[in-house]
Amino acid sequence: MSLSFLFALSAIVHAYVGWRLGPQLPPWGAWSLSALLVASAVLVPLSLIAFRMRGSRVKVWVSWTGLLFMGLFSSLFVLTLGRDLLLAAAHGLAWIWPQAQPSPAFLATSGQAVPLLAALASLLGFLNARRTAAVVHVDVPISGLPEALHGFTIAQISDIHVGTTIRHGYLQAIVERVNGLQADVVAITGDLVDGSVRELAEHVAPLGTLSSKHGTYFVTGNHEYYSGAHAWIQELRRLDIAVLLNEHVVIEREGHAMVLAGVADYTAHHFDPSHQSDPAKALADAPGHAAVKVLLAHQPRSAPQAAQAGFDLQLSGHTHGGQFWPWNLFVPLQQPYTAGLHRLQRLWIYVSRGTGYWGPPKRFGAPSEITHVRLVPAER
């Protein structure tokens, strides 16, 4: 997509909102909206190319302001479009029921409500996105779970997207909350970064202080491949984080084994054919007597292969739970599951809503989470 096309598209959609809402606002409101839309029309596309800019301060400022405007404009556009669809339906109904014709008072009130609702949603979304993710406790029932593995816990974090708006302090707060769980294992299910090791190593460094009884394990997400996956794999290993690329480890407890496996991202082969995601390969040579087999896979759509390979539980992310309405409605077009615990044959799939955010610092209707997974025996 060319830069000129990006700015032209931005100008068109911003002009549409101004055209539909401006006439319904008082003069000062119309001028304020016009100024906001002009700034947004310029800064939103600039934020998408900010990575090309020289100077870290300029890059961070453009990214922050552009992404804030992106979050606000997203709600403005969706609500404006929704209002227009409602008005079109009312005009159509008025052909057979004249009382359905929208009154001037309704046009003005609805037009003025859209910017207010968009601003409120964006403010609440910003506060939700910037807070440290809350802990979500999830019990997963496993058939035939031996007594020694009752209550085995996995702290899952996912989709943090360390980059221009998520930095060292944000990640440090997440690490401290995870460490407070005193989990048996910490799992990072991909999309950790949006940027190179050179730019972000210092901001990812807090991960080196993650603590658990059996270590920290990582699988790649699609954004690692946009950011230099091989360099990040090396950096994470330097931080004493085990990267599972279609492989597994065996965790023993009181003579009983649990297999913890991980696969490269579902789309990894487009970037490196040797990283072809393969749950069956990840389980190859695993001990047959293992009581539980857990797979870390960034995208939920790895589930059919995981079920076929014989896993009991898959932990995934990628979807962000939609991050903010109405984009959660579109996730099922690409992924079989959006968020929460699901079942496919004998495989349990848990999809995290993510621990950070991508793009606009905004979460509305899809709060971030640190997931505390506990294995429990299935009821007979």
Protein backbone atom coordinates (compact mmCIF):
# COMPACT_ATOMS: atom_id res chain seq x y z
CA MET A 1 0.00 0.00 0.00
CA SER A 2 1.57 3.30 -1.09
CA LEU A 3 1.93 6.24 1.26
CA SER A 4 -0.21 8.47 -0.97
CA PHE A 5 -3.02 5.89 -0.98
CA LEU A 6 -2.81 5.58 2.82
CA PHE A 7 -3.20 9.33 3.31
CA ALA A 8 -5.97 9.55 0.69
CA LEU A 9 -7.94 6.77 2.36
CA SER A 10 -7.46 8.43 5.74
CA ALA A 11 -8.69 11.76 4.36
CA ILE A 12 -11.81 10.16 2.85
CA VAL A 13 -12.97 8.30 5.97
CA HIS A 14 -12.26 11.29 8.21
CA ALA A 15 -14.13 13.60 5.82
CA TYR A 16 -17.11 11.22 5.93
CA VAL A 17 -17.34 11.53 9.72
CA GLY A 18 -17.06 15.32 9.55
CA TRP A 19 -19.69 15.52 6.81
CA ARG A 20 -22.17 13.39 8.77
CA LEU A 21 -21.66 14.84 12.23
CA GLY A 22 -20.53 18.45 11.72
CA PRO A 23 -23.93 19.88 10.69
CA GLN A 24 -25.54 18.46 13.85
CA LEU A 25 -23.15 20.20 16.24
CA PRO A 26 -23.16 23.79 17.54
CA PRO A 27 -20.58 26.04 15.84
CA TRP A 28 -17.90 25.58 18.51
CA GLY A 29 -18.47 21.81 18.42
CA ALA A 30 -18.23 21.68 14.65
CA TRP A 31 -14.94 23.62 14.68
CA SER A 32 -13.54 21.41 17.44
CA LEU A 33 -14.52 18.25 15.58
CA SER A 34 -13.02 19.59 12.34
CA ALA A 35 -9.69 20.35 14.04
CA LEU A 36 -9.64 16.91 15.67
CA LEU A 37 -10.42 15.15 12.38
CA VAL A 38 -7.72 17.04 10.48
CA ALA A 39 -5.12 16.13 13.11
CA SER A 40 -6.31 12.53 13.16
CA ALA A 41 -6.32 12.23 9.36
CA VAL A 42 -2.61 13.13 9.35
CA LEU A 43 -1.37 11.41 12.51
CA VAL A 44 -3.14 8.05 12.11
CA PRO A 45 -1.35 7.10 8.86
CA LEU A 46 1.89 8.61 10.20
CA SER A 47 1.72 6.26 13.20
CA LEU A 48 1.66 3.29 10.81
CA ILE A 49 4.95 4.34 9.25
CA ALA A 50 6.58 5.74 12.39
CA PHE A 51 9.03 2.83 12.47
CA ARG A 52 10.74 4.38 9.44
CA MET A 53 11.42 7.66 11.24
CA ARG A 54 14.78 8.66 12.61
CA GLY A 55 15.10 9.79 16.20
CA SER A 56 13.55 7.76 18.98
CA ARG A 57 11.73 10.71 20.56
CA VAL A 58 10.03 11.69 17.32
CA LYS A 59 9.12 8.06 16.60
CA VAL A 60 7.61 7.55 20.07
CA TRP A 61 5.70 10.86 19.98
CA VAL A 62 4.22 10.20 16.53
CA SER A 63 3.32 6.63 17.48
CA TRP A 64 1.68 7.63 20.76
CA THR A 65 -0.38 10.48 19.35
CA GLY A 66 -1.28 8.68 16.14
CA LEU A 67 -2.36 5.52 17.94
CA LEU A 68 -4.44 7.49 20.46
CA PHE A 69 -6.20 9.18 17.55
CA MET A 70 -6.61 5.79 15.86
CA GLY A 71 -8.46 4.41 18.87
CA LEU A 72 -10.71 7.46 19.08
CA PHE A 73 -11.40 7.60 15.35
CA SER A 74 -12.22 3.89 15.25
CA SER A 75 -15.11 4.47 17.65
CA LEU A 76 -16.11 7.68 15.88
CA PHE A 77 -16.26 5.93 12.52
CA VAL A 78 -18.13 2.86 13.75
CA LEU A 79 -20.70 4.90 15.68
CA THR A 80 -21.17 7.30 12.76
CA LEU A 81 -21.69 4.39 10.38
CA GLY A 82 -24.09 2.75 12.85
CA ARG A 83 -26.05 5.98 13.15
CA ASP A 84 -26.29 6.27 9.36
CA LEU A 85 -27.51 2.71 9.03
CA LEU A 86 -30.17 3.41 11.67
CA LEU A 87 -31.23 6.58 9.86
CA ALA A 88 -31.38 4.76 6.53
CA ALA A 89 -33.62 2.10 8.06
CA ALA A 90 -35.86 4.81 9.54
CA HIS A 91 -36.12 6.63 6.20
CA GLY A 92 -37.03 3.35 4.50
CA LEU A 93 -39.66 2.55 7.11
CA ALA A 94 -41.12 6.05 6.71
CA TRP A 95 -42.37 5.07 3.24
CA ILE A 96 -45.00 2.89 4.89
CA TRP A 97 -45.09 4.48 8.35
CA PRO A 98 -44.52 8.26 8.14
CA GLN A 99 -44.09 8.57 11.94
CA ALA A 100 -40.75 6.72 11.58
CA GLN A 101 -39.20 9.71 9.80
CA PRO A 102 -36.36 10.98 12.05
CA SER A 103 -37.11 14.39 13.53
CA PRO A 104 -34.62 17.29 13.43
CA ALA A 105 -34.28 16.94 17.20
CA PHE A 106 -33.32 13.27 16.85
CA LEU A 107 -30.81 14.07 14.11
CA ALA A 108 -29.15 16.70 16.31
CA THR A 109 -29.20 14.62 19.50
CA SER A 110 -27.83 11.48 17.84
CA GLY A 111 -25.18 13.48 15.98
CA GLN A 112 -24.01 15.10 19.21
CA ALA A 113 -24.08 11.79 21.09
CA VAL A 114 -21.65 10.06 18.73
CA PRO A 115 -18.54 12.12 19.62
CA LEU A 116 -19.38 11.93 23.33
CA LEU A 117 -19.81 8.14 23.25
CA ALA A 118 -16.64 7.72 21.19
CA ALA A 119 -14.66 9.85 23.63
CA LEU A 120 -16.05 7.94 26.63
CA ALA A 121 -15.30 4.54 25.06
CA SER A 122 -11.78 5.68 24.19
CA LEU A 123 -11.09 7.03 27.69
CA LEU A 124 -12.32 3.86 29.37
CA GLY A 125 -10.48 1.78 26.78
CA PHE A 126 -7.25 3.67 27.45
CA LEU A 127 -7.51 3.15 31.20
CA ASN A 128 -8.22 -0.58 30.70
CA ALA A 129 -5.31 -0.99 28.30
CA ARG A 130 -2.74 0.82 30.43
CA ARG A 131 -3.53 -0.88 33.73
CA THR A 132 -1.61 -4.00 34.71
CA ALA A 133 -3.58 -7.04 33.55
CA ALA A 134 -5.72 -8.75 36.16
CA VAL A 135 -5.25 -12.42 37.02
CA VAL A 136 -7.88 -14.77 35.58
CA HIS A 137 -8.08 -18.17 37.30
CA VAL A 138 -9.01 -21.12 35.09
CA ASP A 139 -9.42 -24.75 36.19
CA VAL A 140 -8.96 -27.32 33.43
CA PRO A 141 -10.34 -30.81 34.16
CA ILE A 142 -8.05 -33.60 32.98
CA SER A 143 -9.23 -37.22 32.83
CA GLY A 144 -7.00 -39.63 34.71
CA LEU A 145 -4.90 -36.86 36.26
CA PRO A 146 -2.58 -38.47 38.83
CA GLU A 147 -2.66 -37.17 42.38
CA ALA A 148 0.88 -35.81 42.04
CA LEU A 149 -0.24 -33.42 39.30
CA HIS A 150 -3.43 -32.21 40.98
CA GLY A 151 -3.23 -28.44 41.17
CA PHE A 152 -0.28 -28.08 38.78
CA THR A 153 -0.31 -24.43 37.70
CA ILE A 154 0.73 -22.55 34.58
CA ALA A 155 0.91 -18.74 34.50
CA GLN A 156 0.20 -17.71 30.92
CA ILE A 157 1.01 -14.30 29.47
CA SER A 158 0.46 -13.52 25.82
CA ASP A 159 0.34 -10.76 23.20
CA ILE A 160 2.13 -8.11 25.23
CA HIS A 161 3.46 -6.31 22.13
CA VAL A 162 6.38 -4.48 23.67
CA GLY A 163 7.03 -1.56 21.33
CA THR A 164 6.67 2.19 21.17
CA THR A 165 3.85 2.46 23.74
CA ILE A 166 4.58 -0.61 25.89
CA ARG A 167 7.95 -0.30 27.55
CA HIS A 168 10.08 -1.49 30.47
CA GLY A 169 7.83 -0.27 33.30
CA TYR A 170 4.67 -1.80 31.81
CA LEU A 171 6.36 -5.18 31.45
CA GLN A 172 7.99 -5.00 34.88
CA ALA A 173 4.56 -4.66 36.51
CA ILE A 174 3.36 -7.75 34.63
CA VAL A 175 6.41 -9.75 35.74
CA GLU A 176 5.88 -8.80 39.38
CA ARG A 177 2.25 -9.91 39.23
CA VAL A 178 3.19 -13.20 37.56
CA ASN A 179 5.91 -13.89 40.12
CA GLY A 180 3.38 -13.34 42.89
CA LEU A 181 1.43 -16.37 41.59
CA GLN A 182 4.34 -18.73 42.36
CA ALA A 183 3.29 -20.94 39.45
CA ASP A 184 4.85 -24.27 38.52
CA VAL A 185 5.50 -23.01 34.96
CA VAL A 186 5.35 -19.66 33.17
CA ALA A 187 4.24 -19.78 29.53
CA ILE A 188 4.58 -16.90 27.06
CA THR A 189 2.40 -17.67 24.04
CA GLY A 190 3.78 -15.30 21.43
CA ASP A 191 3.51 -11.76 20.09
CA LEU A 192 5.83 -10.48 22.75
CA VAL A 193 7.38 -7.70 20.65
CA ASP A 194 6.84 -5.22 17.85
CA GLY A 195 10.36 -4.14 16.98
CA SER A 196 13.95 -5.31 16.77
CA VAL A 197 16.21 -6.62 19.52
CA ARG A 198 18.39 -3.54 19.10
CA GLU A 199 15.44 -1.24 19.81
CA LEU A 200 13.65 -3.21 22.51
CA ALA A 201 16.10 -5.47 24.36
CA GLU A 202 16.22 -3.18 27.40
CA HIS A 203 12.43 -3.07 27.56
CA VAL A 204 12.09 -6.88 27.39
CA ALA A 205 14.79 -7.40 30.03
CA PRO A 206 12.31 -7.75 32.96
CA LEU A 207 11.34 -11.18 31.58
CA GLY A 208 14.69 -12.41 32.82
CA THR A 209 13.39 -12.09 36.39
CA LEU A 210 10.33 -14.31 35.87
CA SER A 211 10.28 -17.07 38.46
CA SER A 212 8.52 -20.42 38.71
CA LYS A 213 9.29 -23.95 39.89
CA HIS A 214 9.98 -25.42 36.45
CA GLY A 215 11.01 -22.44 34.32
CA THR A 216 9.68 -20.08 31.67
CA TYR A 217 8.77 -21.26 28.16
CA PHE A 218 8.11 -19.24 25.02
CA VAL A 219 6.61 -19.89 21.59
CA THR A 220 6.74 -17.52 18.66
CA GLY A 221 3.80 -15.48 17.44
CA ASN A 222 3.37 -13.93 14.03
CA HIS A 223 4.70 -10.57 15.25
CA GLU A 224 8.04 -12.13 16.20
CA TYR A 225 8.51 -12.92 12.51
CA TYR A 226 7.78 -9.30 11.58
CA SER A 227 10.40 -8.24 14.14
CA GLY A 228 13.30 -10.62 13.46
CA ALA A 229 12.36 -13.95 15.03
CA HIS A 230 15.81 -15.51 14.98
CA ALA A 231 17.39 -12.60 16.85
CA TRP A 232 14.58 -12.62 19.40
CA ILE A 233 14.90 -16.36 19.96
CA GLN A 234 18.57 -15.85 20.72
CA GLU A 235 17.82 -12.92 23.05
CA LEU A 236 15.16 -14.80 24.99
CA ARG A 237 17.45 -17.77 25.45
CA ARG A 238 20.04 -15.34 26.78
CA LEU A 239 17.44 -14.33 29.38
CA ASP A 240 17.18 -18.02 30.37
CA ILE A 241 13.79 -18.46 28.71
CA ALA A 242 13.32 -21.77 26.90
CA VAL A 243 12.04 -21.34 23.35
CA LEU A 244 10.05 -24.34 22.12
CA LEU A 245 10.15 -24.66 18.33
CA ASN A 246 8.14 -27.81 17.56
CA GLU A 247 9.69 -29.52 20.57
CA HIS A 248 8.88 -30.45 24.14
CA VAL A 249 10.21 -30.83 27.65
CA VAL A 250 9.22 -33.40 30.25
CA ILE A 251 8.36 -32.25 33.76
CA GLU A 252 8.50 -34.93 36.45
CA ARG A 253 6.67 -34.83 39.75
CA GLU A 254 6.69 -37.74 42.18
CA GLY A 255 7.28 -40.26 39.42
CA HIS A 256 4.62 -38.85 37.09
CA ALA A 257 5.43 -37.04 33.86
CA MET A 258 3.85 -34.06 32.18
CA VAL A 259 4.82 -33.09 28.62
CA LEU A 260 4.99 -29.38 27.86
CA ALA A 261 5.37 -28.77 24.13
CA GLY A 262 5.45 -25.72 21.92
CA VAL A 263 5.07 -24.96 18.23
CA ALA A 264 6.19 -22.09 16.07
CA ASP A 265 3.45 -19.71 14.94
CA TYR A 266 0.83 -21.11 12.56
CA THR A 267 2.13 -18.84 9.77
CA ALA A 268 5.86 -19.17 10.59
CA HIS A 269 6.63 -21.19 7.46
CA HIS A 270 5.94 -18.11 5.32
CA PHE A 271 9.00 -16.51 6.91
CA ASP A 272 11.19 -19.57 7.53
CA PRO A 273 10.23 -22.98 6.10
CA SER A 274 12.19 -24.71 8.85
CA HIS A 275 9.76 -23.22 11.39
CA GLN A 276 6.70 -24.98 9.91
CA SER A 277 4.27 -25.31 12.83
CA ASP A 278 3.85 -29.01 13.62
CA PRO A 279 2.16 -30.23 16.85
CA ALA A 280 2.87 -33.88 15.98
CA LYS A 281 6.58 -33.15 15.61
CA ALA A 282 6.52 -31.26 18.92
CA LEU A 283 5.30 -34.45 20.60
CA ALA A 284 7.73 -36.80 18.84
CA ASP A 285 9.61 -39.14 21.20
CA ALA A 286 7.62 -37.93 24.21
CA PRO A 287 7.26 -40.59 26.93
CA GLY A 288 4.21 -42.74 26.34
CA HIS A 289 3.45 -42.85 30.06
CA ALA A 290 3.03 -39.04 30.33
CA ALA A 291 -0.17 -38.29 32.21
CA VAL A 292 -0.77 -34.85 30.67
CA LYS A 293 0.28 -33.29 27.37
CA VAL A 294 0.10 -29.50 27.13
CA LEU A 295 0.77 -27.52 23.95
CA LEU A 296 1.71 -23.86 23.70
CA ALA A 297 0.54 -22.53 20.33
CA HIS A 298 0.14 -18.85 19.56
CA GLN A 299 -2.93 -19.14 17.31
CA PRO A 300 -6.11 -21.03 18.28
CA ARG A 301 -6.35 -22.49 14.78
CA SER A 302 -3.58 -24.94 15.69
CA ALA A 303 -6.22 -26.82 17.69
CA PRO A 304 -7.33 -29.43 15.10
CA GLN A 305 -3.72 -30.58 14.62
CA ALA A 306 -3.15 -30.54 18.37
CA ALA A 307 -6.22 -32.70 18.97
CA GLN A 308 -5.09 -35.14 16.30
CA ALA A 309 -1.62 -35.33 17.86
CA GLY A 310 -3.11 -36.31 21.22
CA PHE A 311 -2.71 -33.23 23.40
CA ASP A 312 -4.94 -32.67 26.42
CA LEU A 313 -4.67 -28.89 26.62
CA GLN A 314 -3.65 -26.10 24.26
CA LEU A 315 -2.84 -22.59 25.51
CA SER A 316 -3.13 -19.86 22.89
CA GLY A 317 -3.52 -16.11 22.41
CA HIS A 318 -3.39 -14.03 19.22
CA THR A 319 -7.02 -12.83 19.21
CA HIS A 320 -6.82 -10.23 22.04
CA GLY A 321 -10.45 -11.19 22.60
CA GLY A 322 -11.12 -8.64 19.85
CA GLN A 323 -9.45 -5.90 21.99
CA PHE A 324 -12.33 -3.47 21.57
CA TRP A 325 -15.83 -3.60 20.15
CA PRO A 326 -16.84 -4.22 17.40
CA TRP A 327 -13.65 -5.96 16.20
CA ASN A 328 -14.38 -8.94 18.47
CA LEU A 329 -17.23 -9.73 16.07
CA PHE A 330 -14.75 -10.30 13.23
CA VAL A 331 -12.31 -12.62 15.04
CA PRO A 332 -14.38 -15.76 14.21
CA LEU A 333 -13.77 -15.07 10.51
CA GLN A 334 -10.14 -16.15 11.04
CA GLN A 335 -9.99 -18.07 14.31
CA PRO A 336 -12.17 -20.90 15.67
CA TYR A 337 -12.18 -19.41 19.19
CA THR A 338 -12.05 -15.81 20.41
CA ALA A 339 -11.42 -16.12 24.15
CA GLY A 340 -11.88 -18.44 27.11
CA LEU A 341 -12.01 -22.20 27.56
CA HIS A 342 -13.29 -24.45 24.75
CA ARG A 343 -13.38 -28.16 23.91
CA LEU A 344 -12.48 -29.95 20.70
CA GLN A 345 -12.90 -33.72 21.04
CA ARG A 346 -10.73 -34.54 24.10
CA LEU A 347 -8.61 -31.40 23.74
CA TRP A 348 -9.19 -28.37 25.93
CA ILE A 349 -8.25 -25.02 24.35
CA TYR A 350 -7.79 -21.90 26.41
CA VAL A 351 -7.49 -18.61 24.49
CA SER A 352 -6.07 -15.66 26.40
CA ARG A 353 -7.39 -12.17 25.66
CA GLY A 354 -3.77 -11.04 25.86
CA THR A 355 -1.71 -9.31 28.53
CA GLY A 356 -0.94 -6.11 26.61
CA TYR A 357 -2.48 -4.67 23.46
CA TRP A 358 -1.64 -4.03 19.83
CA GLY A 359 -1.96 -0.70 18.05
CA PRO A 360 -4.22 1.78 19.84
CA PRO A 361 -3.83 1.78 23.65
CA LYS A 362 -7.45 0.79 23.98
CA ARG A 363 -9.35 -2.17 25.41
CA PHE A 364 -13.11 -1.97 25.58
CA GLY A 365 -15.18 -5.05 26.34
CA ALA A 366 -12.10 -7.31 26.19
CA PRO A 367 -9.94 -6.77 29.30
CA SER A 368 -6.33 -7.91 29.33
CA GLU A 369 -5.37 -10.88 31.48
CA ILE A 370 -2.66 -12.89 33.14
CA THR A 371 -4.05 -16.41 33.13
CA HIS A 372 -3.49 -18.74 36.08
CA VAL A 373 -4.27 -22.20 34.73
CA ARG A 374 -4.71 -25.03 37.22
CA LEU A 375 -4.97 -28.71 36.28
CA VAL A 376 -7.70 -30.51 38.20
CA PRO A 377 -9.11 -34.06 37.93
CA ALA A 378 -12.16 -34.43 35.72
CA GLU A 379 -15.33 -35.47 37.47
CA ARG A 380 -16.41 -38.98 36.67
